[in-house]
Amino acid sequence: MEPMELNGGRFYARKLTSDNRIDDVPALSLILADAAQFIADATTAWHEDTEYTWAICEQTSVELLALARLDPKQRTLEVVPAGDPATQLPNDPVLAPKTIGDAVAEGRDTITRWAQGYLEISLTD
């Protein structure tokens, strides 16, 4: 399967990227030892349907706030913050304040709904 973007309202999930426009390596390096290799492997895993991964981002930014990993065979979803979950996000003052922890929770909800609706699986965690 090709990587899919998922819109969850205030937060969205997009494919992991490292190019001249978007580079997830710095944020992923807070979570993983070899972030660049992980991004390369993530594309292969999507195509082989062994693991689906996303960068969880706030709607007005491409910055990775959390990493989501869904294992369709084990029916598990792990969402890991890239930084302190209590960190408040900079945003337009007309929008309600949000944190990295909100990105984790709302990203998890969006991906869980996608797994149930698109993949027709219920997650175990």
PDB file of N, CA and C in Angstrom:
ATOM      1  N   MET A   1       0.841  -1.167   0.000  1.00  0.00           N
ATOM      2  CA  MET A   1       0.000   0.000   0.000  1.00  0.00           C
ATOM      3  C   MET A   1       0.894   1.241   0.000  1.00  0.00           C
ATOM      4  N   GLU A   2       0.427   2.281  -0.632  1.00  0.00           N
ATOM      5  CA  GLU A   2       1.129   3.565  -0.609  1.00  0.00           C
ATOM      6  C   GLU A   2       0.819   4.282   0.709  1.00  0.00           C
ATOM      7  N   PRO A   3       1.771   5.055   1.245  1.00  0.00           N
ATOM      8  CA  PRO A   3       1.494   5.823   2.460  1.00  0.00           C
ATOM      9  C   PRO A   3       0.304   6.762   2.259  1.00  0.00           C
ATOM     10  N   MET A   4      -0.528   6.872   3.286  1.00  0.00           N
ATOM     11  CA  MET A   4      -1.724   7.712   3.238  1.00  0.00           C
ATOM     12  C   MET A   4      -1.637   8.813   4.279  1.00  0.00           C
ATOM     13  N   GLU A   5      -2.159   9.997   3.902  1.00  0.00           N
ATOM     14  CA  GLU A   5      -2.315  11.074   4.864  1.00  0.00           C
ATOM     15  C   GLU A   5      -3.707  10.982   5.455  1.00  0.00           C
ATOM     16  N   LEU A   6      -3.798  11.237   6.753  1.00  0.00           N
ATOM     17  CA  LEU A   6      -5.072  11.165   7.459  1.00  0.00           C
ATOM     18  C   LEU A   6      -5.339  12.502   8.137  1.00  0.00           C
ATOM     19  N   ASN A   7      -6.472  13.100   7.848  1.00  0.00           N
ATOM     20  CA  ASN A   7      -6.834  14.371   8.461  1.00  0.00           C
ATOM     21  C   ASN A   7      -7.724  14.104   9.653  1.00  0.00           C
ATOM     22  N   GLY A   8      -7.295  14.584  10.805  1.00  0.00           N
ATOM     23  CA  GLY A   8      -8.067  14.373  12.018  1.00  0.00           C
ATOM     24  C   GLY A   8      -8.583  15.660  12.622  1.00  0.00           C
ATOM     25  N   GLY A   9      -8.682  16.714  11.836  1.00  0.00           N
ATOM     26  CA  GLY A   9      -9.135  17.997  12.365  1.00  0.00           C
ATOM     27  C   GLY A   9      -7.945  18.863  12.710  1.00  0.00           C
ATOM     28  N   ARG A  10      -7.730  19.105  13.991  1.00  0.00           N
ATOM     29  CA  ARG A  10      -6.642  19.986  14.419  1.00  0.00           C
ATOM     30  C   ARG A  10      -5.267  19.377  14.145  1.00  0.00           C
ATOM     31  N   PHE A  11      -5.202  18.050  14.110  1.00  0.00           N
ATOM     32  CA  PHE A  11      -3.950  17.361  13.819  1.00  0.00           C
ATOM     33  C   PHE A  11      -4.146  16.437  12.627  1.00  0.00           C
ATOM     34  N   TYR A  12      -3.068  16.203  11.909  1.00  0.00           N
ATOM     35  CA  TYR A  12      -3.125  15.271  10.783  1.00  0.00           C
ATOM     36  C   TYR A  12      -1.918  14.353  10.846  1.00  0.00           C
ATOM     37  N   ALA A  13      -2.042  13.221  10.171  1.00  0.00           N
ATOM     38  CA  ALA A  13      -0.962  12.239  10.102  1.00  0.00           C
ATOM     39  C   ALA A  13      -0.491  12.169   8.656  1.00  0.00           C
ATOM     40  N   ARG A  14       0.808  12.336   8.448  1.00  0.00           N
ATOM     41  CA  ARG A  14       1.374  12.289   7.095  1.00  0.00           C
ATOM     42  C   ARG A  14       2.532  11.310   7.074  1.00  0.00           C
ATOM     43  N   LYS A  15       2.943  10.939   5.853  1.00  0.00           N
ATOM     44  CA  LYS A  15       4.068  10.008   5.742  1.00  0.00           C
ATOM     45  C   LYS A  15       5.340  10.662   6.264  1.00  0.00           C
ATOM     46  N   LEU A  16       6.243   9.833   6.734  1.00  0.00           N
ATOM     47  CA  LEU A  16       7.542  10.317   7.185  1.00  0.00           C
ATOM     48  C   LEU A  16       8.333  10.780   5.975  1.00  0.00           C
ATOM     49  N   THR A  17       9.060  11.890   6.135  1.00  0.00           N
ATOM     50  CA  THR A  17       9.730  12.513   4.998  1.00  0.00           C
ATOM     51  C   THR A  17      11.104  13.034   5.390  1.00  0.00           C
ATOM     52  N   SER A  18      12.030  12.949   4.436  1.00  0.00           N
ATOM     53  CA  SER A  18      13.332  13.588   4.571  1.00  0.00           C
ATOM     54  C   SER A  18      13.763  14.022   3.182  1.00  0.00           C
ATOM     55  N   ASP A  19      13.412  15.256   2.834  1.00  0.00           N
ATOM     56  CA  ASP A  19      13.801  15.803   1.535  1.00  0.00           C
ATOM     57  C   ASP A  19      14.107  17.291   1.692  1.00  0.00           C
ATOM     58  N   ASN A  20      14.203  18.016   0.582  1.00  0.00           N
ATOM     59  CA  ASN A  20      14.588  19.425   0.664  1.00  0.00           C
ATOM     60  C   ASN A  20      13.447  20.333   1.134  1.00  0.00           C
ATOM     61  N   ARG A  21      12.226  19.795   1.266  1.00  0.00           N
ATOM     62  CA  ARG A  21      11.096  20.591   1.748  1.00  0.00           C
ATOM     63  C   ARG A  21      10.756  20.289   3.205  1.00  0.00           C
ATOM     64  N   ILE A  22      10.726  19.011   3.534  1.00  0.00           N
ATOM     65  CA  ILE A  22      10.354  18.562   4.877  1.00  0.00           C
ATOM     66  C   ILE A  22      11.402  17.557   5.340  1.00  0.00           C
ATOM     67  N   ASP A  23      11.919  17.763   6.548  1.00  0.00           N
ATOM     68  CA  ASP A  23      12.911  16.824   7.083  1.00  0.00           C
ATOM     69  C   ASP A  23      12.512  16.418   8.498  1.00  0.00           C
ATOM     70  N   ASP A  24      12.054  15.188   8.626  1.00  0.00           N
ATOM     71  CA  ASP A  24      11.639  14.666   9.928  1.00  0.00           C
ATOM     72  C   ASP A  24      12.802  14.131  10.754  1.00  0.00           C
ATOM     73  N   VAL A  25      13.993  14.060  10.177  1.00  0.00           N
ATOM     74  CA  VAL A  25      15.130  13.462  10.882  1.00  0.00           C
ATOM     75  C   VAL A  25      15.419  14.155  12.218  1.00  0.00           C
ATOM     76  N   PRO A  26      15.484  15.490  12.301  1.00  0.00           N
ATOM     77  CA  PRO A  26      15.789  16.100  13.604  1.00  0.00           C
ATOM     78  C   PRO A  26      14.778  15.736  14.700  1.00  0.00           C
ATOM     79  N   ALA A  27      13.494  15.796  14.402  1.00  0.00           N
ATOM     80  CA  ALA A  27      12.478  15.460  15.413  1.00  0.00           C
ATOM     81  C   ALA A  27      12.503  13.970  15.741  1.00  0.00           C
ATOM     82  N   LEU A  28      12.660  13.129  14.723  1.00  0.00           N
ATOM     83  CA  LEU A  28      12.712  11.681  14.965  1.00  0.00           C
ATOM     84  C   LEU A  28      13.947  11.281  15.763  1.00  0.00           C
ATOM     85  N   SER A  29      15.014  12.064  15.648  1.00  0.00           N
ATOM     86  CA  SER A  29      16.243  11.764  16.394  1.00  0.00           C
ATOM     87  C   SER A  29      16.032  11.877  17.905  1.00  0.00           C
ATOM     88  N   LEU A  30      14.970  12.573  18.320  1.00  0.00           N
ATOM     89  CA  LEU A  30      14.626  12.640  19.739  1.00  0.00           C
ATOM     90  C   LEU A  30      14.026  11.320  20.224  1.00  0.00           C
ATOM     91  N   ILE A  31      13.564  10.494  19.272  1.00  0.00           N
ATOM     92  CA  ILE A  31      12.876   9.242  19.588  1.00  0.00           C
ATOM     93  C   ILE A  31      13.705   8.019  19.210  1.00  0.00           C
ATOM     94  N   LEU A  32      14.387   8.094  18.053  1.00  0.00           N
ATOM     95  CA  LEU A  32      15.063   6.935  17.463  1.00  0.00           C
ATOM     96  C   LEU A  32      16.555   7.186  17.280  1.00  0.00           C
ATOM     97  N   ALA A  33      17.339   6.133  17.330  1.00  0.00           N
ATOM     98  CA  ALA A  33      18.786   6.249  17.159  1.00  0.00           C
ATOM     99  C   ALA A  33      19.174   6.565  15.719  1.00  0.00           C
ATOM    100  N   ASP A  34      18.579   5.900  14.747  1.00  0.00           N
ATOM    101  CA  ASP A  34      18.933   6.097  13.336  1.00  0.00           C
ATOM    102  C   ASP A  34      17.700   6.539  12.554  1.00  0.00           C
ATOM    103  N   ALA A  35      17.344   7.797  12.729  1.00  0.00           N
ATOM    104  CA  ALA A  35      16.111   8.332  12.149  1.00  0.00           C
ATOM    105  C   ALA A  35      16.108   8.288  10.626  1.00  0.00           C
ATOM    106  N   ALA A  36      17.225   8.601   9.995  1.00  0.00           N
ATOM    107  CA  ALA A  36      17.274   8.611   8.527  1.00  0.00           C
ATOM    108  C   ALA A  36      17.002   7.220   7.964  1.00  0.00           C
ATOM    109  N   GLN A  37      17.604   6.209   8.538  1.00  0.00           N
ATOM    110  CA  GLN A  37      17.368   4.839   8.075  1.00  0.00           C
ATOM    111  C   GLN A  37      15.936   4.409   8.365  1.00  0.00           C
ATOM    112  N   PHE A  38      15.404   4.832   9.501  1.00  0.00           N
ATOM    113  CA  PHE A  38      14.027   4.484   9.852  1.00  0.00           C
ATOM    114  C   PHE A  38      13.053   5.013   8.803  1.00  0.00           C
ATOM    115  N   ILE A  39      13.265   6.239   8.328  1.00  0.00           N
ATOM    116  CA  ILE A  39      12.388   6.813   7.298  1.00  0.00           C
ATOM    117  C   ILE A  39      12.464   5.989   6.021  1.00  0.00           C
ATOM    118  N   ALA A  40      13.663   5.605   5.616  1.00  0.00           N
ATOM    119  CA  ALA A  40      13.818   4.777   4.409  1.00  0.00           C
ATOM    120  C   ALA A  40      13.117   3.433   4.584  1.00  0.00           C
ATOM    121  N   ASP A  41      13.288   2.818   5.741  1.00  0.00           N
ATOM    122  CA  ASP A  41      12.655   1.522   6.008  1.00  0.00           C
ATOM    123  C   ASP A  41      11.135   1.641   6.099  1.00  0.00           C
ATOM    124  N   ALA A  42      10.640   2.787   6.552  1.00  0.00           N
ATOM    125  CA  ALA A  42       9.195   2.980   6.706  1.00  0.00           C
ATOM    126  C   ALA A  42       8.471   2.896   5.370  1.00  0.00           C
ATOM    127  N   THR A  43       9.063   3.435   4.325  1.00  0.00           N
ATOM    128  CA  THR A  43       8.445   3.365   2.998  1.00  0.00           C
ATOM    129  C   THR A  43       8.334   1.919   2.539  1.00  0.00           C
ATOM    130  N   THR A  44       9.384   1.153   2.739  1.00  0.00           N
ATOM    131  CA  THR A  44       9.361  -0.270   2.380  1.00  0.00           C
ATOM    132  C   THR A  44       8.289  -1.006   3.181  1.00  0.00           C
ATOM    133  N   ALA A  45       8.200  -0.713   4.466  1.00  0.00           N
ATOM    134  CA  ALA A  45       7.209  -1.377   5.319  1.00  0.00           C
ATOM    135  C   ALA A  45       5.783  -1.079   4.857  1.00  0.00           C
ATOM    136  N   TRP A  46       5.525   0.163   4.424  1.00  0.00           N
ATOM    137  CA  TRP A  46       4.199   0.497   3.871  1.00  0.00           C
ATOM    138  C   TRP A  46       3.908  -0.386   2.660  1.00  0.00           C
ATOM    139  N   HIS A  47       4.861  -0.443   1.734  1.00  0.00           N
ATOM    140  CA  HIS A  47       4.648  -1.212   0.503  1.00  0.00           C
ATOM    141  C   HIS A  47       4.462  -2.703   0.774  1.00  0.00           C
ATOM    142  N   GLU A  48       5.084  -3.197   1.833  1.00  0.00           N
ATOM    143  CA  GLU A  48       4.966  -4.618   2.190  1.00  0.00           C
ATOM    144  C   GLU A  48       3.829  -4.883   3.179  1.00  0.00           C
ATOM    145  N   ASP A  49       3.140  -3.821   3.594  1.00  0.00           N
ATOM    146  CA  ASP A  49       2.032  -3.923   4.558  1.00  0.00           C
ATOM    147  C   ASP A  49       2.442  -4.582   5.870  1.00  0.00           C
ATOM    148  N   THR A  50       3.675  -4.295   6.308  1.00  0.00           N
ATOM    149  CA  THR A  50       4.142  -4.853   7.578  1.00  0.00           C
ATOM    150  C   THR A  50       4.059  -3.844   8.722  1.00  0.00           C
ATOM    151  N   GLU A  51       4.149  -2.553   8.405  1.00  0.00           N
ATOM    152  CA  GLU A  51       3.999  -1.500   9.410  1.00  0.00           C
ATOM    153  C   GLU A  51       3.638  -0.210   8.694  1.00  0.00           C
ATOM    154  N   TYR A  52       2.703   0.533   9.290  1.00  0.00           N
ATOM    155  CA  TYR A  52       2.309   1.835   8.760  1.00  0.00           C
ATOM    156  C   TYR A  52       2.767   2.892   9.762  1.00  0.00           C
ATOM    157  N   THR A  53       3.457   3.903   9.259  1.00  0.00           N
ATOM    158  CA  THR A  53       4.011   4.933  10.129  1.00  0.00           C
ATOM    159  C   THR A  53       3.572   6.311   9.661  1.00  0.00           C
ATOM    160  N   TRP A  54       3.474   7.227  10.620  1.00  0.00           N
ATOM    161  CA  TRP A  54       3.082   8.601  10.319  1.00  0.00           C
ATOM    162  C   TRP A  54       3.822   9.578  11.216  1.00  0.00           C
ATOM    163  N   ALA A  55       3.960  10.785  10.685  1.00  0.00           N
ATOM    164  CA  ALA A  55       4.328  11.945  11.480  1.00  0.00           C
ATOM    165  C   ALA A  55       3.018  12.622  11.854  1.00  0.00           C
ATOM    166  N   ILE A  56       2.774  12.827  13.136  1.00  0.00           N
ATOM    167  CA  ILE A  56       1.588  13.550  13.591  1.00  0.00           C
ATOM    168  C   ILE A  56       1.974  15.025  13.661  1.00  0.00           C
ATOM    169  N   CYS A  57       1.198  15.873  12.972  1.00  0.00           N
ATOM    170  CA  CYS A  57       1.502  17.299  12.861  1.00  0.00           C
ATOM    171  C   CYS A  57       0.271  18.139  13.186  1.00  0.00           C
ATOM    172  N   GLU A  58       0.503  19.373  13.622  1.00  0.00           N
ATOM    173  CA  GLU A  58      -0.579  20.331  13.836  1.00  0.00           C
ATOM    174  C   GLU A  58      -1.017  20.850  12.469  1.00  0.00           C
ATOM    175  N   GLN A  59      -2.286  21.188  12.311  1.00  0.00           N
ATOM    176  CA  GLN A  59      -2.861  21.515  11.007  1.00  0.00           C
ATOM    177  C   GLN A  59      -2.169  22.649  10.258  1.00  0.00           C
ATOM    178  N   THR A  60      -1.489  23.548  10.958  1.00  0.00           N
ATOM    179  CA  THR A  60      -0.858  24.681  10.287  1.00  0.00           C
ATOM    180  C   THR A  60       0.646  24.505  10.106  1.00  0.00           C
ATOM    181  N   SER A  61       1.153  23.293  10.340  1.00  0.00           N
ATOM    182  CA  SER A  61       2.599  23.070  10.321  1.00  0.00           C
ATOM    183  C   SER A  61       2.930  21.681   9.772  1.00  0.00           C
ATOM    184  N   VAL A  62       4.146  21.528   9.280  1.00  0.00           N
ATOM    185  CA  VAL A  62       4.618  20.203   8.845  1.00  0.00           C
ATOM    186  C   VAL A  62       5.539  19.571   9.887  1.00  0.00           C
ATOM    187  N   GLU A  63       5.760  20.263  11.006  1.00  0.00           N
ATOM    188  CA  GLU A  63       6.674  19.765  12.034  1.00  0.00           C
ATOM    189  C   GLU A  63       6.136  18.501  12.701  1.00  0.00           C
ATOM    190  N   LEU A  64       6.968  17.468  12.747  1.00  0.00           N
ATOM    191  CA  LEU A  64       6.614  16.218  13.410  1.00  0.00           C
ATOM    192  C   LEU A  64       6.541  16.449  14.914  1.00  0.00           C
ATOM    193  N   LEU A  65       5.374  16.175  15.492  1.00  0.00           N
ATOM    194  CA  LEU A  65       5.172  16.299  16.935  1.00  0.00           C
ATOM    195  C   LEU A  65       5.176  14.945  17.622  1.00  0.00           C
ATOM    196  N   ALA A  66       4.817  13.910  16.861  1.00  0.00           N
ATOM    197  CA  ALA A  66       4.782  12.551  17.400  1.00  0.00           C
ATOM    198  C   ALA A  66       4.955  11.564  16.258  1.00  0.00           C
ATOM    199  N   LEU A  67       5.453  10.399  16.588  1.00  0.00           N
ATOM    200  CA  LEU A  67       5.612   9.302  15.641  1.00  0.00           C
ATOM    201  C   LEU A  67       4.555   8.254  15.947  1.00  0.00           C
ATOM    202  N   ALA A  68       3.803   7.857  14.924  1.00  0.00           N
ATOM    203  CA  ALA A  68       2.805   6.793  15.077  1.00  0.00           C
ATOM    204  C   ALA A  68       3.250   5.580  14.280  1.00  0.00           C
ATOM    205  N   ARG A  69       3.136   4.392  14.905  1.00  0.00           N
ATOM    206  CA  ARG A  69       3.516   3.121  14.267  1.00  0.00           C
ATOM    207  C   ARG A  69       2.386   2.122  14.470  1.00  0.00           C
ATOM    208  N   LEU A  70       1.795   1.684  13.373  1.00  0.00           N
ATOM    209  CA  LEU A  70       0.710   0.705  13.431  1.00  0.00           C
ATOM    210  C   LEU A  70       1.198  -0.606  12.840  1.00  0.00           C
ATOM    211  N   ASP A  71       1.099  -1.669  13.613  1.00  0.00           N
ATOM    212  CA  ASP A  71       1.438  -3.014  13.144  1.00  0.00           C
ATOM    213  C   ASP A  71       0.119  -3.721  12.840  1.00  0.00           C
ATOM    214  N   PRO A  72      -0.212  -3.898  11.552  1.00  0.00           N
ATOM    215  CA  PRO A  72      -1.517  -4.471  11.211  1.00  0.00           C
ATOM    216  C   PRO A  72      -1.672  -5.940  11.597  1.00  0.00           C
ATOM    217  N   LYS A  73      -0.582  -6.673  11.659  1.00  0.00           N
ATOM    218  CA  LYS A  73      -0.679  -8.093  12.024  1.00  0.00           C
ATOM    219  C   LYS A  73      -0.879  -8.270  13.532  1.00  0.00           C
ATOM    220  N   GLN A  74      -0.146  -7.494  14.315  1.00  0.00           N
ATOM    221  CA  GLN A  74      -0.288  -7.544  15.776  1.00  0.00           C
ATOM    222  C   GLN A  74      -1.475  -6.704  16.265  1.00  0.00           C
ATOM    223  N   ARG A  75      -1.986  -5.840  15.382  1.00  0.00           N
ATOM    224  CA  ARG A  75      -3.116  -4.947  15.700  1.00  0.00           C
ATOM    225  C   ARG A  75      -2.775  -3.996  16.840  1.00  0.00           C
ATOM    226  N   THR A  76      -1.550  -3.451  16.768  1.00  0.00           N
ATOM    227  CA  THR A  76      -1.092  -2.524  17.799  1.00  0.00           C
ATOM    228  C   THR A  76      -0.769  -1.173  17.183  1.00  0.00           C
ATOM    229  N   LEU A  77      -0.954  -0.144  17.982  1.00  0.00           N
ATOM    230  CA  LEU A  77      -0.621   1.219  17.584  1.00  0.00           C
ATOM    231  C   LEU A  77       0.177   1.850  18.709  1.00  0.00           C
ATOM    232  N   GLU A  78       1.359   2.346  18.358  1.00  0.00           N
ATOM    233  CA  GLU A  78       2.210   3.058  19.308  1.00  0.00           C
ATOM    234  C   GLU A  78       2.344   4.485  18.807  1.00  0.00           C
ATOM    235  N   VAL A  79       2.105   5.458  19.681  1.00  0.00           N
ATOM    236  CA  VAL A  79       2.285   6.867  19.331  1.00  0.00           C
ATOM    237  C   VAL A  79       3.220   7.466  20.371  1.00  0.00           C
ATOM    238  N   VAL A  80       4.378   7.948  19.904  1.00  0.00           N
ATOM    239  CA  VAL A  80       5.439   8.432  20.788  1.00  0.00           C
ATOM    240  C   VAL A  80       5.654   9.927  20.551  1.00  0.00           C
ATOM    241  N   PRO A  81       5.620  10.741  21.608  1.00  0.00           N
ATOM    242  CA  PRO A  81       5.846  12.177  21.436  1.00  0.00           C
ATOM    243  C   PRO A  81       7.299  12.484  21.088  1.00  0.00           C
ATOM    244  N   ALA A  82       7.499  13.502  20.278  1.00  0.00           N
ATOM    245  CA  ALA A  82       8.845  13.996  19.964  1.00  0.00           C
ATOM    246  C   ALA A  82       9.086  15.223  20.841  1.00  0.00           C
ATOM    247  N   GLY A  83       9.288  14.977  22.103  1.00  0.00           N
ATOM    248  CA  GLY A  83       9.467  16.065  23.059  1.00  0.00           C
ATOM    249  C   GLY A  83       8.534  15.903  24.244  1.00  0.00           C
ATOM    250  N   ASP A  84       8.561  16.866  25.127  1.00  0.00           N
ATOM    251  CA  ASP A  84       7.747  16.853  26.343  1.00  0.00           C
ATOM    252  C   ASP A  84       6.269  16.997  25.983  1.00  0.00           C
ATOM    253  N   PRO A  85       5.427  16.040  26.378  1.00  0.00           N
ATOM    254  CA  PRO A  85       4.005  16.120  26.053  1.00  0.00           C
ATOM    255  C   PRO A  85       3.316  17.385  26.574  1.00  0.00           C
ATOM    256  N   ALA A  86       3.863  18.020  27.600  1.00  0.00           N
ATOM    257  CA  ALA A  86       3.258  19.233  28.157  1.00  0.00           C
ATOM    258  C   ALA A  86       3.599  20.491  27.365  1.00  0.00           C
ATOM    259  N   THR A  87       4.502  20.382  26.398  1.00  0.00           N
ATOM    260  CA  THR A  87       4.911  21.551  25.616  1.00  0.00           C
ATOM    261  C   THR A  87       3.735  22.109  24.831  1.00  0.00           C
ATOM    262  N   GLN A  88       3.454  23.397  25.051  1.00  0.00           N
ATOM    263  CA  GLN A  88       2.365  24.051  24.328  1.00  0.00           C
ATOM    264  C   GLN A  88       2.857  24.442  22.942  1.00  0.00           C
ATOM    265  N   LEU A  89       2.006  24.236  21.945  1.00  0.00           N
ATOM    266  CA  LEU A  89       2.367  24.524  20.561  1.00  0.00           C
ATOM    267  C   LEU A  89       2.119  25.988  20.230  1.00  0.00           C
ATOM    268  N   PRO A  90       3.031  26.595  19.458  1.00  0.00           N
ATOM    269  CA  PRO A  90       2.769  27.958  18.996  1.00  0.00           C
ATOM    270  C   PRO A  90       1.691  27.907  17.914  1.00  0.00           C
ATOM    271  N   ASN A  91       0.718  28.788  18.006  1.00  0.00           N
ATOM    272  CA  ASN A  91      -0.320  28.791  16.983  1.00  0.00           C
ATOM    273  C   ASN A  91      -1.077  30.107  16.976  1.00  0.00           C
ATOM    274  N   ASP A  92      -1.942  30.247  16.007  1.00  0.00           N
ATOM    275  CA  ASP A  92      -2.792  31.423  15.857  1.00  0.00           C
ATOM    276  C   ASP A  92      -3.622  31.597  17.133  1.00  0.00           C
ATOM    277  N   PRO A  93      -3.694  32.814  17.682  1.00  0.00           N
ATOM    278  CA  PRO A  93      -4.428  33.015  18.933  1.00  0.00           C
ATOM    279  C   PRO A  93      -5.936  32.752  18.833  1.00  0.00           C
ATOM    280  N   VAL A  94      -6.486  32.659  17.642  1.00  0.00           N
ATOM    281  CA  VAL A  94      -7.915  32.342  17.522  1.00  0.00           C
ATOM    282  C   VAL A  94      -8.164  30.852  17.734  1.00  0.00           C
ATOM    283  N   LEU A  95      -7.111  30.042  17.700  1.00  0.00           N
ATOM    284  CA  LEU A  95      -7.239  28.604  17.923  1.00  0.00           C
ATOM    285  C   LEU A  95      -7.000  28.279  19.398  1.00  0.00           C
ATOM    286  N   ALA A  96      -7.681  27.260  19.879  1.00  0.00           N
ATOM    287  CA  ALA A  96      -7.481  26.820  21.264  1.00  0.00           C
ATOM    288  C   ALA A  96      -6.050  26.315  21.441  1.00  0.00           C
ATOM    289  N   PRO A  97      -5.431  26.587  22.592  1.00  0.00           N
ATOM    290  CA  PRO A  97      -4.078  26.093  22.838  1.00  0.00           C
ATOM    291  C   PRO A  97      -4.037  24.563  22.805  1.00  0.00           C
ATOM    292  N   LYS A  98      -2.959  24.034  22.253  1.00  0.00           N
ATOM    293  CA  LYS A  98      -2.756  22.584  22.179  1.00  0.00           C
ATOM    294  C   LYS A  98      -1.327  22.266  22.591  1.00  0.00           C
ATOM    295  N   THR A  99      -1.115  21.011  22.996  1.00  0.00           N
ATOM    296  CA  THR A  99       0.206  20.551  23.420  1.00  0.00           C
ATOM    297  C   THR A  99       0.646  19.360  22.565  1.00  0.00           C
ATOM    298  N   ILE A 100       1.907  18.975  22.737  1.00  0.00           N
ATOM    299  CA  ILE A 100       2.392  17.760  22.076  1.00  0.00           C
ATOM    300  C   ILE A 100       1.577  16.559  22.562  1.00  0.00           C
ATOM    301  N   GLY A 101       1.185  16.556  23.823  1.00  0.00           N
ATOM    302  CA  GLY A 101       0.336  15.485  24.347  1.00  0.00           C
ATOM    303  C   GLY A 101      -1.004  15.407  23.629  1.00  0.00           C
ATOM    304  N   ASP A 102      -1.571  16.565  23.270  1.00  0.00           N
ATOM    305  CA  ASP A 102      -2.813  16.579  22.485  1.00  0.00           C
ATOM    306  C   ASP A 102      -2.580  15.949  21.119  1.00  0.00           C
ATOM    307  N   ALA A 103      -1.420  16.236  20.528  1.00  0.00           N
ATOM    308  CA  ALA A 103      -1.091  15.644  19.223  1.00  0.00           C
ATOM    309  C   ALA A 103      -1.050  14.124  19.324  1.00  0.00           C
ATOM    310  N   VAL A 104      -0.471  13.615  20.399  1.00  0.00           N
ATOM    311  CA  VAL A 104      -0.404  12.164  20.607  1.00  0.00           C
ATOM    312  C   VAL A 104      -1.817  11.584  20.709  1.00  0.00           C
ATOM    313  N   ALA A 105      -2.646  12.164  21.568  1.00  0.00           N
ATOM    314  CA  ALA A 105      -3.994  11.633  21.805  1.00  0.00           C
ATOM    315  C   ALA A 105      -4.881  11.745  20.570  1.00  0.00           C
ATOM    316  N   GLU A 106      -4.896  12.919  19.943  1.00  0.00           N
ATOM    317  CA  GLU A 106      -5.771  13.121  18.789  1.00  0.00           C
ATOM    318  C   GLU A 106      -5.259  12.369  17.561  1.00  0.00           C
ATOM    319  N   GLY A 107      -3.936  12.264  17.420  1.00  0.00           N
ATOM    320  CA  GLY A 107      -3.373  11.462  16.334  1.00  0.00           C
ATOM    321  C   GLY A 107      -3.720   9.995  16.504  1.00  0.00           C
ATOM    322  N   ARG A 108      -3.636   9.508  17.746  1.00  0.00           N
ATOM    323  CA  ARG A 108      -3.999   8.113  18.042  1.00  0.00           C
ATOM    324  C   ARG A 108      -5.463   7.864  17.672  1.00  0.00           C
ATOM    325  N   ASP A 109      -6.344   8.778  18.043  1.00  0.00           N
ATOM    326  CA  ASP A 109      -7.770   8.614  17.732  1.00  0.00           C
ATOM    327  C   ASP A 109      -8.009   8.559  16.224  1.00  0.00           C
ATOM    328  N   THR A 110      -7.361   9.437  15.477  1.00  0.00           N
ATOM    329  CA  THR A 110      -7.524   9.480  14.019  1.00  0.00           C
ATOM    330  C   THR A 110      -7.068   8.174  13.380  1.00  0.00           C
ATOM    331  N   ILE A 111      -5.898   7.693  13.779  1.00  0.00           N
ATOM    332  CA  ILE A 111      -5.355   6.461  13.190  1.00  0.00           C
ATOM    333  C   ILE A 111      -6.179   5.249  13.616  1.00  0.00           C
ATOM    334  N   THR A 112      -6.670   5.245  14.840  1.00  0.00           N
ATOM    335  CA  THR A 112      -7.530   4.146  15.299  1.00  0.00           C
ATOM    336  C   THR A 112      -8.796   4.071  14.449  1.00  0.00           C
ATOM    337  N   ARG A 113      -9.423   5.224  14.192  1.00  0.00           N
ATOM    338  CA  ARG A 113     -10.623   5.240  13.335  1.00  0.00           C
ATOM    339  C   ARG A 113     -10.293   4.743  11.931  1.00  0.00           C
ATOM    340  N   TRP A 114      -9.136   5.138  11.392  1.00  0.00           N
ATOM    341  CA  TRP A 114      -8.718   4.692  10.059  1.00  0.00           C
ATOM    342  C   TRP A 114      -8.522   3.178  10.041  1.00  0.00           C
ATOM    343  N   ALA A 115      -7.861   2.653  11.072  1.00  0.00           N
ATOM    344  CA  ALA A 115      -7.625   1.202  11.144  1.00  0.00           C
ATOM    345  C   ALA A 115      -8.948   0.444  11.186  1.00  0.00           C
ATOM    346  N   GLN A 116      -9.901   0.954  11.954  1.00  0.00           N
ATOM    347  CA  GLN A 116     -11.206   0.291  12.046  1.00  0.00           C
ATOM    348  C   GLN A 116     -11.984   0.403  10.739  1.00  0.00           C
ATOM    349  N   GLY A 117     -11.986   1.590  10.141  1.00  0.00           N
ATOM    350  CA  GLY A 117     -12.782   1.811   8.940  1.00  0.00           C
ATOM    351  C   GLY A 117     -12.147   1.317   7.659  1.00  0.00           C
ATOM    352  N   TYR A 118     -10.862   1.588   7.473  1.00  0.00           N
ATOM    353  CA  TYR A 118     -10.190   1.251   6.215  1.00  0.00           C
ATOM    354  C   TYR A 118      -9.617  -0.161   6.230  1.00  0.00           C
ATOM    355  N   LEU A 119      -8.913  -0.500   7.308  1.00  0.00           N
ATOM    356  CA  LEU A 119      -8.296  -1.829   7.395  1.00  0.00           C
ATOM    357  C   LEU A 119      -9.252  -2.875   7.967  1.00  0.00           C
ATOM    358  N   GLU A 120     -10.326  -2.409   8.579  1.00  0.00           N
ATOM    359  CA  GLU A 120     -11.311  -3.285   9.222  1.00  0.00           C
ATOM    360  C   GLU A 120     -10.687  -4.153  10.309  1.00  0.00           C
ATOM    361  N   ILE A 121      -9.829  -3.505  11.125  1.00  0.00           N
ATOM    362  CA  ILE A 121      -9.244  -4.193  12.276  1.00  0.00           C
ATOM    363  C   ILE A 121      -9.498  -3.373  13.537  1.00  0.00           C
ATOM    364  N   SER A 122      -9.631  -4.051  14.644  1.00  0.00           N
ATOM    365  CA  SER A 122      -9.713  -3.401  15.950  1.00  0.00           C
ATOM    366  C   SER A 122      -8.349  -3.531  16.602  1.00  0.00           C
ATOM    367  N   LEU A 123      -7.852  -2.429  17.110  1.00  0.00           N
ATOM    368  CA  LEU A 123      -6.528  -2.437  17.729  1.00  0.00           C
ATOM    369  C   LEU A 123      -6.606  -2.982  19.146  1.00  0.00           C
ATOM    370  N   THR A 124      -5.533  -3.643  19.578  1.00  0.00           N
ATOM    371  CA  THR A 124      -5.521  -4.289  20.885  1.00  0.00           C
ATOM    372  C   THR A 124      -5.100  -3.363  22.009  1.00  0.00           C
ATOM    373  N   ASP A 125      -4.512  -2.219  21.695  1.00  0.00           N
ATOM    374  CA  ASP A 125      -4.061  -1.342  22.788  1.00  0.00           C
ATOM    375  C   ASP A 125      -4.857  -0.080  22.853  1.00  0.00           C
TER     376      ASP A 125
END
